[in-house]
Amino acid sequence: MTANQPDHLFWATRWTVIDMVALVVTAIALGVIFYLWGWVFQLLNRLVGDIVSGLFRGVWYWAGLLLAFAIRKPGAAWLGQFGAALVQYGLGAPSGMLVLVLGFVEGLALEVVFAWARFNHWGVVAMLVAGALAGLADFAVNLVAPPLLLVHRSGGEIFATLCLMVISGALVGGLVCKLLGDRLLAVPAVRNFLGTPVSQGE
């Protein structure tokens, strides 16, 4: 390891004022979207049931996925996900404090994947895995938390919910955010403003 590597790592991973502005804007904007989506999601539950509606849960992971993809620094996924959950809760989310627990746990799940990739791999595979793990975290919380309380359901229902949440996390969450992120960063002005580095697998 050369003498300047630790210094380079510090400057590459430290948060700037622009990063913080992006965090606040993303958390507020997606927090409002999540709040509105919460009411739509309740309607979906009534129409197709709370198991099949798991196909649409990937939307909940957008804040952490998009912010991490744009900033590419430690803490971005967790702060984005939990920050949006705070905004959603402040607006009066239908599920109450559960959104804070979900935001916290989902953000950690996303952070684990990006840390494993050393915040340097942002291709389709990394985003799919991150979204899928967020779906798994979502499932774990809903296994024991109301209103789903999946632990009291049949084995088939539990397995179906797990599969749908993970698939939704990978596709509706990870893949959609990868496509949106690529479109966003394809605009030179946006990429230059954020200072997003070109990473492996992008």
Protein backbone atom coordinates (compact mmCIF):
# COMPACT_ATOMS: atom_id res chain seq x y z
CA MET A 1 0.00 0.00 0.00
CA THR A 2 1.45 3.37 -0.98
CA ALA A 3 1.63 6.25 1.44
CA ASN A 4 -1.03 8.28 -0.32
CA GLN A 5 -3.68 5.52 -0.50
CA PRO A 6 -5.29 6.19 2.92
CA ASP A 7 -5.47 9.89 2.08
CA HIS A 8 -7.01 9.11 -1.30
CA LEU A 9 -9.55 6.81 0.36
CA PHE A 10 -10.53 9.58 2.78
CA TRP A 11 -11.14 12.12 0.07
CA ALA A 12 -12.98 9.59 -2.08
CA THR A 13 -15.41 8.59 0.67
CA ARG A 14 -15.92 11.78 2.68
CA TRP A 15 -19.26 13.54 2.34
CA THR A 16 -19.41 16.96 0.70
CA VAL A 17 -21.99 19.70 1.04
CA ILE A 18 -23.41 18.67 -2.35
CA ASP A 19 -23.78 15.09 -1.10
CA MET A 20 -25.73 16.34 1.91
CA VAL A 21 -27.96 18.49 -0.28
CA ALA A 22 -28.64 15.48 -2.51
CA LEU A 23 -29.48 13.43 0.60
CA VAL A 24 -31.98 15.98 1.92
CA VAL A 25 -33.64 16.53 -1.45
CA THR A 26 -33.88 12.79 -2.17
CA ALA A 27 -35.20 11.95 1.31
CA ILE A 28 -37.87 14.64 1.19
CA ALA A 29 -38.98 13.94 -2.39
CA LEU A 30 -39.14 10.17 -2.00
CA GLY A 31 -40.54 10.44 1.51
CA VAL A 32 -43.52 12.29 0.03
CA ILE A 33 -43.76 9.72 -2.79
CA PHE A 34 -43.63 6.88 -0.25
CA TYR A 35 -46.36 8.53 1.81
CA LEU A 36 -48.65 8.70 -1.23
CA TRP A 37 -47.61 5.20 -2.30
CA GLY A 38 -48.62 3.95 1.14
CA TRP A 39 -52.25 4.81 0.45
CA VAL A 40 -52.09 3.30 -3.05
CA PHE A 41 -50.50 0.19 -1.56
CA GLN A 42 -53.37 -0.20 0.89
CA LEU A 43 -55.75 -0.15 -2.07
CA LEU A 44 -53.63 -2.80 -3.81
CA ASN A 45 -53.85 -4.96 -0.70
CA ARG A 46 -57.63 -4.85 -0.88
CA LEU A 47 -57.70 -5.56 -4.61
CA VAL A 48 -55.13 -8.36 -4.95
CA GLY A 49 -54.39 -9.38 -1.35
CA ASP A 50 -51.43 -8.65 0.88
CA ILE A 51 -49.38 -11.52 -0.54
CA VAL A 52 -49.61 -10.68 -4.25
CA SER A 53 -49.09 -6.98 -3.45
CA GLY A 54 -45.58 -8.02 -2.41
CA LEU A 55 -44.75 -7.72 -6.11
CA PHE A 56 -44.89 -3.93 -5.69
CA ARG A 57 -42.89 -3.58 -2.46
CA GLY A 58 -39.70 -2.81 -4.38
CA VAL A 59 -40.83 0.81 -4.70
CA TRP A 60 -40.12 1.25 -0.98
CA TYR A 61 -36.39 0.70 -1.54
CA TRP A 62 -35.88 3.45 -4.10
CA ALA A 63 -34.54 6.09 -1.71
CA GLY A 64 -31.55 4.09 -0.52
CA LEU A 65 -30.85 2.58 -3.93
CA LEU A 66 -30.98 5.82 -5.89
CA LEU A 67 -29.02 7.89 -3.39
CA ALA A 68 -26.32 5.24 -3.06
CA PHE A 69 -26.09 4.91 -6.85
CA ALA A 70 -25.70 8.67 -7.27
CA ILE A 71 -23.32 9.43 -4.37
CA ARG A 72 -21.44 6.12 -4.08
CA LYS A 73 -20.19 6.67 -0.56
CA PRO A 74 -20.55 4.81 2.75
CA GLY A 75 -23.79 5.59 4.55
CA ALA A 76 -25.67 6.90 1.51
CA ALA A 77 -28.01 3.91 1.22
CA TRP A 78 -28.89 3.82 4.90
CA LEU A 79 -29.29 7.58 5.27
CA GLY A 80 -31.41 7.80 2.14
CA GLN A 81 -33.70 4.94 3.14
CA PHE A 82 -34.11 5.95 6.77
CA GLY A 83 -34.36 9.65 5.91
CA ALA A 84 -37.23 9.00 3.51
CA ALA A 85 -38.91 6.85 6.19
CA LEU A 86 -38.67 9.74 8.66
CA VAL A 87 -40.35 12.07 6.18
CA GLN A 88 -43.02 9.48 5.46
CA TYR A 89 -43.66 8.98 9.17
CA GLY A 90 -43.80 12.73 9.75
CA LEU A 91 -46.51 13.06 7.10
CA GLY A 92 -48.63 10.43 8.85
CA ALA A 93 -47.88 7.17 7.08
CA PRO A 94 -50.74 4.63 7.27
CA SER A 95 -48.45 2.00 8.85
CA GLY A 96 -47.20 4.35 11.57
CA MET A 97 -43.87 3.65 13.28
CA LEU A 98 -43.43 0.45 11.28
CA VAL A 99 -42.06 2.59 8.44
CA LEU A 100 -39.18 3.71 10.67
CA VAL A 101 -38.27 0.13 11.52
CA LEU A 102 -38.48 -0.87 7.86
CA GLY A 103 -36.47 2.13 6.70
CA PHE A 104 -33.76 1.39 9.26
CA VAL A 105 -33.49 -2.33 8.45
CA GLU A 106 -33.82 -1.98 4.67
CA GLY A 107 -31.17 0.74 4.65
CA LEU A 108 -28.78 -1.50 6.56
CA ALA A 109 -29.41 -4.34 4.11
CA LEU A 110 -28.59 -2.09 1.16
CA GLU A 111 -25.50 -0.76 2.92
CA VAL A 112 -24.17 -4.29 3.51
CA VAL A 113 -24.27 -5.11 -0.21
CA PHE A 114 -22.62 -1.88 -1.33
CA ALA A 115 -19.97 -2.19 1.39
CA TRP A 116 -19.29 -5.75 0.23
CA ALA A 117 -18.83 -4.32 -3.27
CA ARG A 118 -16.50 -1.69 -1.73
CA PHE A 119 -18.72 1.08 -3.09
CA ASN A 120 -17.01 0.55 -6.44
CA HIS A 121 -19.34 -1.83 -8.30
CA TRP A 122 -22.60 -0.32 -9.54
CA GLY A 123 -23.62 -2.62 -12.35
CA VAL A 124 -26.86 -4.52 -12.77
CA VAL A 125 -25.77 -7.44 -10.60
CA ALA A 126 -24.87 -5.24 -7.61
CA MET A 127 -28.17 -3.37 -7.83
CA LEU A 128 -30.20 -6.57 -8.22
CA VAL A 129 -28.52 -8.15 -5.19
CA ALA A 130 -28.97 -4.98 -3.12
CA GLY A 131 -32.66 -4.77 -3.97
CA ALA A 132 -33.16 -8.46 -3.28
CA LEU A 133 -31.49 -8.21 0.15
CA ALA A 134 -33.66 -5.20 1.00
CA GLY A 135 -36.67 -7.34 0.09
CA LEU A 136 -35.37 -10.08 2.39
CA ALA A 137 -35.00 -7.53 5.21
CA ASP A 138 -38.53 -6.29 4.53
CA PHE A 139 -39.78 -9.87 4.76
CA ALA A 140 -37.92 -10.48 8.04
CA VAL A 141 -39.58 -7.47 9.69
CA ASN A 142 -43.04 -8.35 8.40
CA LEU A 143 -42.59 -11.92 9.57
CA VAL A 144 -43.12 -10.77 13.16
CA ALA A 145 -44.61 -7.27 12.85
CA PRO A 146 -48.25 -6.31 12.27
CA PRO A 147 -50.24 -5.92 10.12
CA LEU A 148 -48.86 -8.86 8.10
CA LEU A 149 -47.59 -11.01 11.02
CA LEU A 150 -46.49 -13.63 8.51
CA VAL A 151 -45.38 -15.97 11.26
CA HIS A 152 -49.06 -16.81 11.81
CA ARG A 153 -49.67 -17.65 8.14
CA SER A 154 -49.36 -21.02 6.44
CA GLY A 155 -46.00 -22.24 5.17
CA GLY A 156 -47.09 -21.73 1.57
CA GLU A 157 -48.14 -18.15 2.18
CA ILE A 158 -44.88 -17.37 3.97
CA PHE A 159 -42.79 -18.86 1.16
CA ALA A 160 -44.82 -17.07 -1.54
CA THR A 161 -44.46 -13.74 0.27
CA LEU A 162 -40.72 -14.24 0.67
CA CYS A 163 -40.28 -15.00 -3.04
CA LEU A 164 -42.40 -12.05 -4.18
CA MET A 165 -40.67 -9.57 -1.87
CA VAL A 166 -37.20 -10.66 -2.96
CA ILE A 167 -38.16 -10.63 -6.65
CA SER A 168 -39.79 -7.22 -6.29
CA GLY A 169 -36.75 -5.90 -4.46
CA ALA A 170 -34.45 -7.09 -7.23
CA LEU A 171 -36.56 -5.96 -10.19
CA VAL A 172 -38.87 -3.13 -9.08
CA GLY A 173 -36.19 -1.89 -6.70
CA GLY A 174 -32.70 -2.69 -7.97
CA LEU A 175 -33.24 -2.91 -11.72
CA VAL A 176 -35.57 0.09 -11.94
CA CYS A 177 -33.18 2.23 -9.88
CA LYS A 178 -30.25 1.12 -12.02
CA LEU A 179 -32.11 2.24 -15.16
CA LEU A 180 -33.26 5.51 -13.58
CA GLY A 181 -29.80 6.16 -12.16
CA ASP A 182 -28.14 5.59 -15.52
CA ARG A 183 -30.55 7.99 -17.18
CA LEU A 184 -29.94 10.59 -14.49
CA LEU A 185 -26.15 10.34 -14.60
CA ALA A 186 -26.16 10.37 -18.40
CA VAL A 187 -26.90 14.09 -18.11
CA PRO A 188 -23.41 15.65 -17.87
CA ALA A 189 -24.59 18.59 -15.77
CA VAL A 190 -26.11 16.25 -13.16
CA ARG A 191 -23.07 13.98 -13.00
CA ASN A 192 -20.67 16.91 -12.75
CA PHE A 193 -22.76 18.54 -10.03
CA LEU A 194 -22.87 15.35 -7.95
CA GLY A 195 -19.28 14.45 -8.75
CA THR A 196 -20.28 10.82 -9.28
CA PRO A 197 -17.22 8.71 -10.16
CA VAL A 198 -17.24 6.15 -12.94
CA SER A 199 -17.10 2.77 -11.23
CA GLN A 200 -16.52 -0.86 -12.22
CA GLY A 201 -19.41 -2.64 -13.86
CA GLU A 202 -21.26 0.57 -14.64
